Amino acid sequence: MDGDNETDQPPARVRNIVELARIAGVSASTVSRALAGNPLIKANTRERIQALAEKHGFRLNQMASKLRTRETRAIGVVVPLGHERRQHISDPFFMTMLGHLADGLTESGYDLMLSRVLPDTPGWLDDIVDSGLLDGVLIIGQSDQLDAIEHVAQRYRPLVVWGQQTPGYQQCTIGSDNHAGGRLAARHLIADGRKRLAFLGDIRPPEIAARFAGANAAVQEAGLPALEALPVHLSGEQAQEDIATRIRRIGRTLDGIVCASDVIAMTVLRALTDEGLAVPTDIAVTGFDDLPIAAQTVPRLTSVRQDIARGAGLMIGALAARLRREDSPSVQMTPELVVRDSA
């Protein structure tokens, strides 16, 4: 009876690689390599050591392994908000992009470390890339930090940015042709007979500036008065108050509004309704991004579509190439106008 009890006892738990190596009859370095899946260790030896580790409840210290290989298997995803400090990561655009990035990074075997940054010093990005915690960095949006990003991009290769390509800058940028997208939106409104247009959005970020420039080019091509860019906040009650105030002041002088984003356009739809103005009968409205929510607004939102899923995949692919020390050029995707009820 006592003998049976001894046989049924679980194997002694192994506390470190040295103890496991003693049981396996090999060196500690062989155990370390076998548990890391190193192909230099014969397959049967790897399998035997891995089985012994499982039997004795041993788990390789992943942090120590990462320190030895100088790989963290973590990618930083950074959202700089220099131009709009109250904007949150819960913004629908950020959530959509983050979802695609998280899926792609996880499938590639990486962890994601998310940072919402309010840049207070010129070296905020240097601090991130020099932390030793990350293998590479993906930046969502350039905000008003184009030069700070460029400063780091010139010395730090595994860095990829979602944003606007800028002539003379080296940073690897994935994004849409924002100028063409702004032009698409304005041309659509003009073709519908709209002649009194406005642009709503803060043009400090390069992406938004390019959308405004494209819309203004279409307006001038049609011989209409030049557009004025009307800055508005992007989040919270302040955004709603901002846009509502704009609509009260100028709404009845307009027949078309080009919005810098779908989030702005959604708030514009509500503000116009509150003012008793019908969309699109009185004023037509276009958004930008074509987020999933664009098809759920009332009326449904006409929007310039960015292929965010493809863009996220291109960002991850470009970063992977840079981690392999290969070239990865910037990519500018062609936008598409998705016509719905608001215009």
Protein backbone atom coordinates (compact mmCIF):
# COMPACT_ATOMS: atom_id res chain seq x y z
CA MET A 1 0.00 0.00 0.00
CA ASP A 2 2.76 2.41 0.97
CA GLY A 3 4.67 1.54 -2.18
CA ASP A 4 1.65 2.35 -4.33
CA ASN A 5 1.32 5.76 -2.64
CA GLU A 6 4.96 6.55 -3.36
CA THR A 7 4.51 5.61 -7.04
CA ASP A 8 1.48 7.87 -7.34
CA GLN A 9 3.35 10.91 -6.02
CA PRO A 10 3.84 13.63 -8.68
CA PRO A 11 7.43 14.15 -9.90
CA ALA A 12 9.49 16.63 -7.93
CA ARG A 13 9.20 20.15 -9.30
CA VAL A 14 12.35 21.43 -11.02
CA ARG A 15 13.34 24.95 -10.04
CA ASN A 16 15.99 25.84 -12.62
CA ILE A 17 17.81 24.80 -15.78
CA VAL A 18 20.70 23.25 -13.86
CA GLU A 19 18.40 20.81 -12.07
CA LEU A 20 16.64 19.87 -15.33
CA ALA A 21 20.00 19.38 -17.05
CA ARG A 22 21.05 16.98 -14.28
CA ILE A 23 17.91 14.90 -14.77
CA ALA A 24 18.28 14.93 -18.57
CA GLY A 25 21.98 14.12 -18.44
CA VAL A 26 22.98 17.06 -20.63
CA SER A 27 24.47 20.50 -20.16
CA ALA A 28 22.45 23.50 -19.01
CA SER A 29 23.13 25.25 -22.32
CA THR A 30 21.66 22.27 -24.20
CA VAL A 31 18.52 22.46 -22.06
CA SER A 32 18.21 26.20 -22.69
CA ARG A 33 18.54 25.76 -26.45
CA ALA A 34 16.17 22.78 -26.54
CA LEU A 35 13.43 24.64 -24.66
CA ALA A 36 13.87 27.62 -26.98
CA GLY A 37 13.34 25.31 -29.99
CA ASN A 38 16.86 25.81 -31.34
CA PRO A 39 17.23 23.71 -34.53
CA LEU A 40 20.91 23.05 -33.68
CA ILE A 41 19.70 20.58 -31.04
CA LYS A 42 18.63 17.24 -32.49
CA ALA A 43 14.87 16.81 -32.70
CA ASN A 44 14.75 13.71 -30.47
CA THR A 45 16.88 15.46 -27.82
CA ARG A 46 14.66 18.57 -27.97
CA GLU A 47 11.52 16.48 -27.58
CA ARG A 48 12.97 14.48 -24.67
CA ILE A 49 14.04 17.61 -22.78
CA GLN A 50 10.73 19.36 -23.46
CA ALA A 51 8.85 16.30 -22.17
CA LEU A 52 10.98 16.25 -19.01
CA ALA A 53 10.36 19.97 -18.48
CA GLU A 54 6.60 19.42 -18.73
CA LYS A 55 6.74 16.38 -16.44
CA HIS A 56 8.62 18.31 -13.74
CA GLY A 57 6.59 21.51 -14.11
CA PHE A 58 9.48 23.62 -15.39
CA ARG A 59 8.90 26.79 -17.43
CA LEU A 60 11.74 28.63 -19.14
CA ASN A 61 12.22 32.15 -17.82
CA GLN A 62 11.04 34.07 -20.88
CA MET A 63 12.52 37.37 -19.74
CA ALA A 64 15.97 35.85 -19.24
CA SER A 65 15.71 34.21 -22.66
CA LYS A 66 14.78 37.53 -24.24
CA LEU A 67 17.73 39.23 -22.58
CA ARG A 68 20.09 36.59 -23.96
CA THR A 69 18.76 36.88 -27.50
CA ARG A 70 18.34 40.68 -27.27
CA GLU A 71 14.78 40.26 -28.53
CA THR A 72 11.75 41.31 -26.52
CA ARG A 73 9.12 40.02 -28.99
CA ALA A 74 7.23 43.23 -28.16
CA ILE A 75 6.23 45.99 -30.58
CA GLY A 76 5.34 49.45 -29.37
CA VAL A 77 2.20 51.02 -30.84
CA VAL A 78 2.38 54.75 -30.18
CA VAL A 79 -0.38 57.34 -30.57
CA PRO A 80 1.06 60.89 -30.29
CA LEU A 81 -1.52 63.56 -29.48
CA GLY A 82 0.35 66.85 -29.59
CA HIS A 83 -2.38 68.67 -31.51
CA GLU A 84 -5.39 67.23 -29.65
CA ARG A 85 -4.46 66.38 -26.08
CA ARG A 86 -8.00 65.50 -25.05
CA GLN A 87 -8.48 62.91 -27.77
CA HIS A 88 -8.73 59.35 -26.47
CA ILE A 89 -7.67 55.97 -27.80
CA SER A 90 -11.36 55.04 -27.60
CA ASP A 91 -11.80 57.20 -30.73
CA PRO A 92 -13.39 54.88 -33.34
CA PHE A 93 -10.53 55.35 -35.82
CA PHE A 94 -7.88 54.39 -33.28
CA MET A 95 -9.92 51.41 -32.10
CA THR A 96 -10.35 50.15 -35.66
CA MET A 97 -6.64 50.50 -36.47
CA LEU A 98 -5.54 49.02 -33.13
CA GLY A 99 -7.77 45.99 -33.63
CA HIS A 100 -6.15 45.18 -36.98
CA LEU A 101 -2.63 45.82 -35.65
CA ALA A 102 -3.21 43.68 -32.56
CA ASP A 103 -4.49 40.78 -34.68
CA GLY A 104 -1.56 40.99 -37.09
CA LEU A 105 1.12 41.34 -34.43
CA THR A 106 -0.26 38.48 -32.37
CA GLU A 107 -0.39 36.21 -35.40
CA SER A 108 3.26 37.15 -36.06
CA GLY A 109 4.27 36.12 -32.54
CA TYR A 110 4.65 39.58 -31.02
CA ASP A 111 3.16 41.24 -27.97
CA LEU A 112 1.77 44.77 -28.31
CA MET A 113 2.73 47.58 -25.93
CA LEU A 114 0.39 50.54 -26.35
CA SER A 115 1.34 54.14 -25.51
CA ARG A 116 -0.85 57.23 -25.73
CA VAL A 117 1.67 60.08 -25.71
CA LEU A 118 1.16 63.75 -24.91
CA PRO A 119 4.50 65.08 -26.19
CA ASP A 120 5.95 67.45 -23.60
CA THR A 121 9.64 67.21 -24.55
CA PRO A 122 11.44 67.02 -27.91
CA GLY A 123 12.91 63.62 -27.00
CA TRP A 124 9.69 61.77 -26.16
CA LEU A 125 10.14 59.28 -29.01
CA ASP A 126 13.85 58.81 -28.26
CA ASP A 127 12.83 57.69 -24.77
CA ILE A 128 10.50 55.06 -26.22
CA VAL A 129 12.87 53.54 -28.79
CA ASP A 130 15.84 53.60 -26.41
CA SER A 131 13.96 51.94 -23.54
CA GLY A 132 15.19 48.43 -24.42
CA LEU A 133 11.65 47.12 -24.02
CA LEU A 134 10.74 46.94 -27.72
CA ASP A 135 11.93 45.32 -30.93
CA GLY A 136 10.26 48.01 -33.05
CA VAL A 137 7.68 50.81 -33.06
CA LEU A 138 4.51 51.53 -35.04
CA ILE A 139 3.17 55.10 -34.83
CA ILE A 140 -0.48 55.88 -35.55
CA GLY A 141 -0.72 59.43 -36.84
CA GLN A 142 1.93 62.14 -36.98
CA SER A 143 -0.10 64.76 -35.04
CA ASP A 144 2.06 67.92 -34.94
CA GLN A 145 5.15 65.80 -34.29
CA LEU A 146 6.42 65.25 -37.85
CA ASP A 147 9.92 66.57 -37.11
CA ALA A 148 10.27 64.68 -33.83
CA ILE A 149 9.36 61.45 -35.64
CA GLU A 150 11.77 62.23 -38.48
CA HIS A 151 14.62 62.88 -36.02
CA VAL A 152 14.29 59.34 -34.66
CA ALA A 153 13.54 57.72 -38.04
CA GLN A 154 16.94 58.85 -39.33
CA ARG A 155 18.75 56.67 -36.77
CA TYR A 156 16.23 53.97 -35.75
CA ARG A 157 15.31 51.57 -38.55
CA PRO A 158 12.44 49.48 -37.06
CA LEU A 159 10.00 52.40 -37.11
CA VAL A 160 6.90 52.61 -39.34
CA VAL A 161 4.35 55.43 -39.35
CA TRP A 162 0.71 55.61 -40.34
CA GLY A 163 0.34 59.07 -41.83
CA GLN A 164 1.04 61.42 -44.71
CA GLN A 165 4.10 61.10 -46.93
CA THR A 166 6.11 64.31 -46.92
CA PRO A 167 8.75 65.10 -49.58
CA GLY A 168 12.27 65.17 -48.18
CA TYR A 169 11.43 63.05 -45.12
CA GLN A 170 12.94 59.58 -44.63
CA GLN A 171 10.37 58.03 -42.28
CA CYS A 172 8.68 54.91 -43.64
CA THR A 173 5.06 55.99 -44.00
CA ILE A 174 1.99 53.91 -44.77
CA GLY A 175 -1.24 55.74 -45.49
CA SER A 176 -3.77 56.98 -48.01
CA ASP A 177 -3.43 59.66 -50.65
CA ASN A 178 -5.13 62.23 -48.45
CA HIS A 179 -4.95 64.99 -51.06
CA ALA A 180 -6.79 62.79 -53.56
CA GLY A 181 -9.33 61.85 -50.89
CA GLY A 182 -10.11 65.46 -50.04
CA ARG A 183 -10.48 66.24 -53.72
CA LEU A 184 -12.86 63.28 -54.19
CA ALA A 185 -15.14 64.52 -51.43
CA ALA A 186 -15.30 68.12 -52.64
CA ARG A 187 -15.74 67.14 -56.30
CA HIS A 188 -18.66 64.93 -55.33
CA LEU A 189 -20.40 67.79 -53.55
CA ILE A 190 -19.73 70.20 -56.42
CA ALA A 191 -21.05 67.68 -58.97
CA ASP A 192 -24.24 67.56 -56.91
CA GLY A 193 -24.65 71.32 -57.38
CA ARG A 194 -23.22 72.42 -54.03
CA LYS A 195 -21.43 75.76 -54.24
CA ARG A 196 -21.06 77.04 -50.68
CA LEU A 197 -18.70 74.63 -48.98
CA ALA A 198 -16.78 74.55 -45.71
CA PHE A 199 -14.04 72.26 -44.36
CA LEU A 200 -14.20 71.16 -40.71
CA GLY A 201 -10.98 69.91 -39.14
CA ASP A 202 -7.70 70.95 -37.52
CA ILE A 203 -5.12 71.14 -40.32
CA ARG A 204 -2.02 70.92 -38.11
CA PRO A 205 -1.63 67.15 -38.64
CA PRO A 206 -0.15 66.50 -42.12
CA GLU A 207 -2.95 64.06 -43.03
CA ILE A 208 -5.68 66.62 -42.36
CA ALA A 209 -3.71 69.39 -44.06
CA ALA A 210 -3.50 67.25 -47.21
CA ARG A 211 -7.24 66.51 -47.13
CA PHE A 212 -7.99 70.22 -46.86
CA ALA A 213 -5.57 71.03 -49.70
CA GLY A 214 -7.22 68.44 -51.94
CA ALA A 215 -10.71 69.74 -51.20
CA ASN A 216 -9.59 73.33 -51.75
CA ALA A 217 -8.00 72.37 -55.09
CA ALA A 218 -11.33 70.92 -56.27
CA VAL A 219 -13.18 74.06 -55.18
CA GLN A 220 -10.76 76.33 -57.02
CA GLU A 221 -10.87 74.15 -60.14
CA ALA A 222 -14.64 74.70 -60.16
CA GLY A 223 -14.18 78.47 -59.92
CA LEU A 224 -15.74 78.65 -56.45
CA PRO A 225 -14.46 80.75 -53.52
CA ALA A 226 -11.48 79.24 -51.70
CA LEU A 227 -12.29 77.00 -48.75
CA GLU A 228 -11.71 78.10 -45.19
CA ALA A 229 -10.48 75.47 -42.76
CA LEU A 230 -12.55 75.62 -39.57
CA PRO A 231 -10.70 73.84 -36.73
CA VAL A 232 -12.76 71.79 -34.29
CA HIS A 233 -11.90 69.49 -31.42
CA LEU A 234 -12.24 65.74 -31.87
CA SER A 235 -13.45 64.35 -28.58
CA GLY A 236 -15.90 64.77 -25.75
CA GLU A 237 -18.33 67.51 -24.94
CA GLN A 238 -15.90 70.15 -26.16
CA ALA A 239 -16.07 68.71 -29.68
CA GLN A 240 -19.86 68.75 -29.62
CA GLU A 241 -19.92 72.34 -28.36
CA ASP A 242 -17.31 73.40 -30.93
CA ILE A 243 -19.20 71.95 -33.87
CA ALA A 244 -22.61 73.06 -32.63
CA THR A 245 -21.28 76.63 -32.34
CA ARG A 246 -19.87 76.50 -35.87
CA ILE A 247 -23.13 75.20 -37.29
CA ARG A 248 -25.19 77.87 -35.50
CA ARG A 249 -22.97 80.60 -36.91
CA ILE A 250 -22.52 79.47 -40.51
CA GLY A 251 -24.81 76.50 -41.11
CA ARG A 252 -27.48 78.40 -42.99
CA THR A 253 -24.88 80.00 -45.28
CA LEU A 254 -23.65 76.58 -46.53
CA ASP A 255 -24.94 73.81 -48.74
CA GLY A 256 -22.04 71.36 -48.29
CA ILE A 257 -19.54 70.39 -45.58
CA VAL A 258 -16.35 68.40 -46.11
CA CYS A 259 -15.36 66.85 -42.78
CA ALA A 260 -11.81 65.80 -41.97
CA SER A 261 -13.00 62.54 -40.38
CA ASP A 262 -16.06 60.38 -39.86
CA VAL A 263 -16.06 61.25 -36.15
CA ILE A 264 -16.37 64.96 -36.99
CA ALA A 265 -19.04 64.21 -39.60
CA MET A 266 -21.14 62.25 -37.10
CA THR A 267 -21.21 65.23 -34.75
CA VAL A 268 -22.00 67.56 -37.66
CA LEU A 269 -25.05 65.43 -38.58
CA ARG A 270 -26.37 65.78 -35.05
CA ALA A 271 -25.68 69.53 -34.90
CA LEU A 272 -27.45 70.13 -38.22
CA THR A 273 -30.50 68.20 -37.03
CA ASP A 274 -30.56 70.24 -33.82
CA GLU A 275 -30.58 73.42 -35.94
CA GLY A 276 -33.50 72.16 -38.02
CA LEU A 277 -31.39 71.66 -41.15
CA ALA A 278 -32.03 68.55 -43.26
CA VAL A 279 -29.23 66.36 -44.60
CA PRO A 280 -28.74 66.22 -47.54
CA THR A 281 -31.66 68.44 -48.65
CA ASP A 282 -30.30 71.62 -47.03
CA ILE A 283 -26.68 70.64 -46.50
CA ALA A 284 -24.74 67.63 -47.82
CA VAL A 285 -22.02 66.14 -45.60
CA THR A 286 -19.00 63.94 -46.32
CA GLY A 287 -16.72 62.16 -43.86
CA PHE A 288 -13.28 60.58 -44.18
CA ASP A 289 -12.12 57.06 -43.13
CA ASP A 290 -15.31 55.08 -43.83
CA LEU A 291 -15.30 53.49 -40.41
CA PRO A 292 -17.91 50.77 -39.71
CA ILE A 293 -20.05 53.37 -37.92
CA ALA A 294 -20.43 55.38 -41.16
CA ALA A 295 -23.06 52.93 -42.37
CA GLN A 296 -24.97 53.21 -39.07
CA THR A 297 -25.53 56.97 -38.82
CA VAL A 298 -28.83 58.62 -39.71
CA PRO A 299 -28.63 59.48 -42.52
CA ARG A 300 -25.92 57.02 -43.52
CA LEU A 301 -22.65 58.83 -44.09
CA THR A 302 -20.97 59.35 -47.45
CA SER A 303 -17.27 58.94 -46.71
CA VAL A 304 -13.82 58.65 -48.27
CA ARG A 305 -12.69 55.11 -47.59
CA GLN A 306 -9.22 54.32 -46.27
CA ASP A 307 -8.44 50.60 -46.34
CA ILE A 308 -7.44 50.46 -42.69
CA ALA A 309 -7.14 46.67 -42.58
CA ARG A 310 -4.76 46.66 -45.55
CA GLY A 311 -2.86 49.60 -44.10
CA ALA A 312 -2.32 47.79 -40.80
CA GLY A 313 -1.04 44.76 -42.68
CA LEU A 314 1.34 46.92 -44.71
CA MET A 315 2.66 48.53 -41.53
CA ILE A 316 3.39 45.16 -39.94
CA GLY A 317 4.98 43.88 -43.15
CA ALA A 318 7.19 46.95 -43.47
CA LEU A 319 8.27 46.65 -39.84
CA ALA A 320 9.06 42.95 -40.26
CA ALA A 321 11.26 43.79 -43.25
CA ARG A 322 13.10 46.43 -41.25
CA LEU A 323 13.65 44.02 -38.39
CA ARG A 324 15.32 41.75 -40.95
CA ARG A 325 17.43 44.77 -42.01
CA GLU A 326 15.72 44.88 -45.40
CA ASP A 327 14.40 47.94 -47.24
CA SER A 328 10.72 48.81 -46.92
CA PRO A 329 9.56 51.82 -48.93
CA SER A 330 6.63 54.03 -48.01
CA VAL A 331 3.23 53.08 -49.47
CA GLN A 332 0.43 55.46 -50.46
CA MET A 333 -2.93 53.77 -50.95
CA THR A 334 -5.62 55.06 -53.28
CA PRO A 335 -8.77 56.23 -51.47
CA GLU A 336 -12.33 55.50 -52.63
CA LEU A 337 -15.49 57.54 -52.22
CA VAL A 338 -18.33 55.50 -50.71
CA VAL A 339 -21.60 57.24 -51.52
CA ARG A 340 -24.47 56.92 -49.05
CA ASP A 341 -27.37 59.11 -47.96
CA SER A 342 -25.65 62.19 -46.45
CA ALA A 343 -24.39 63.35 -49.86
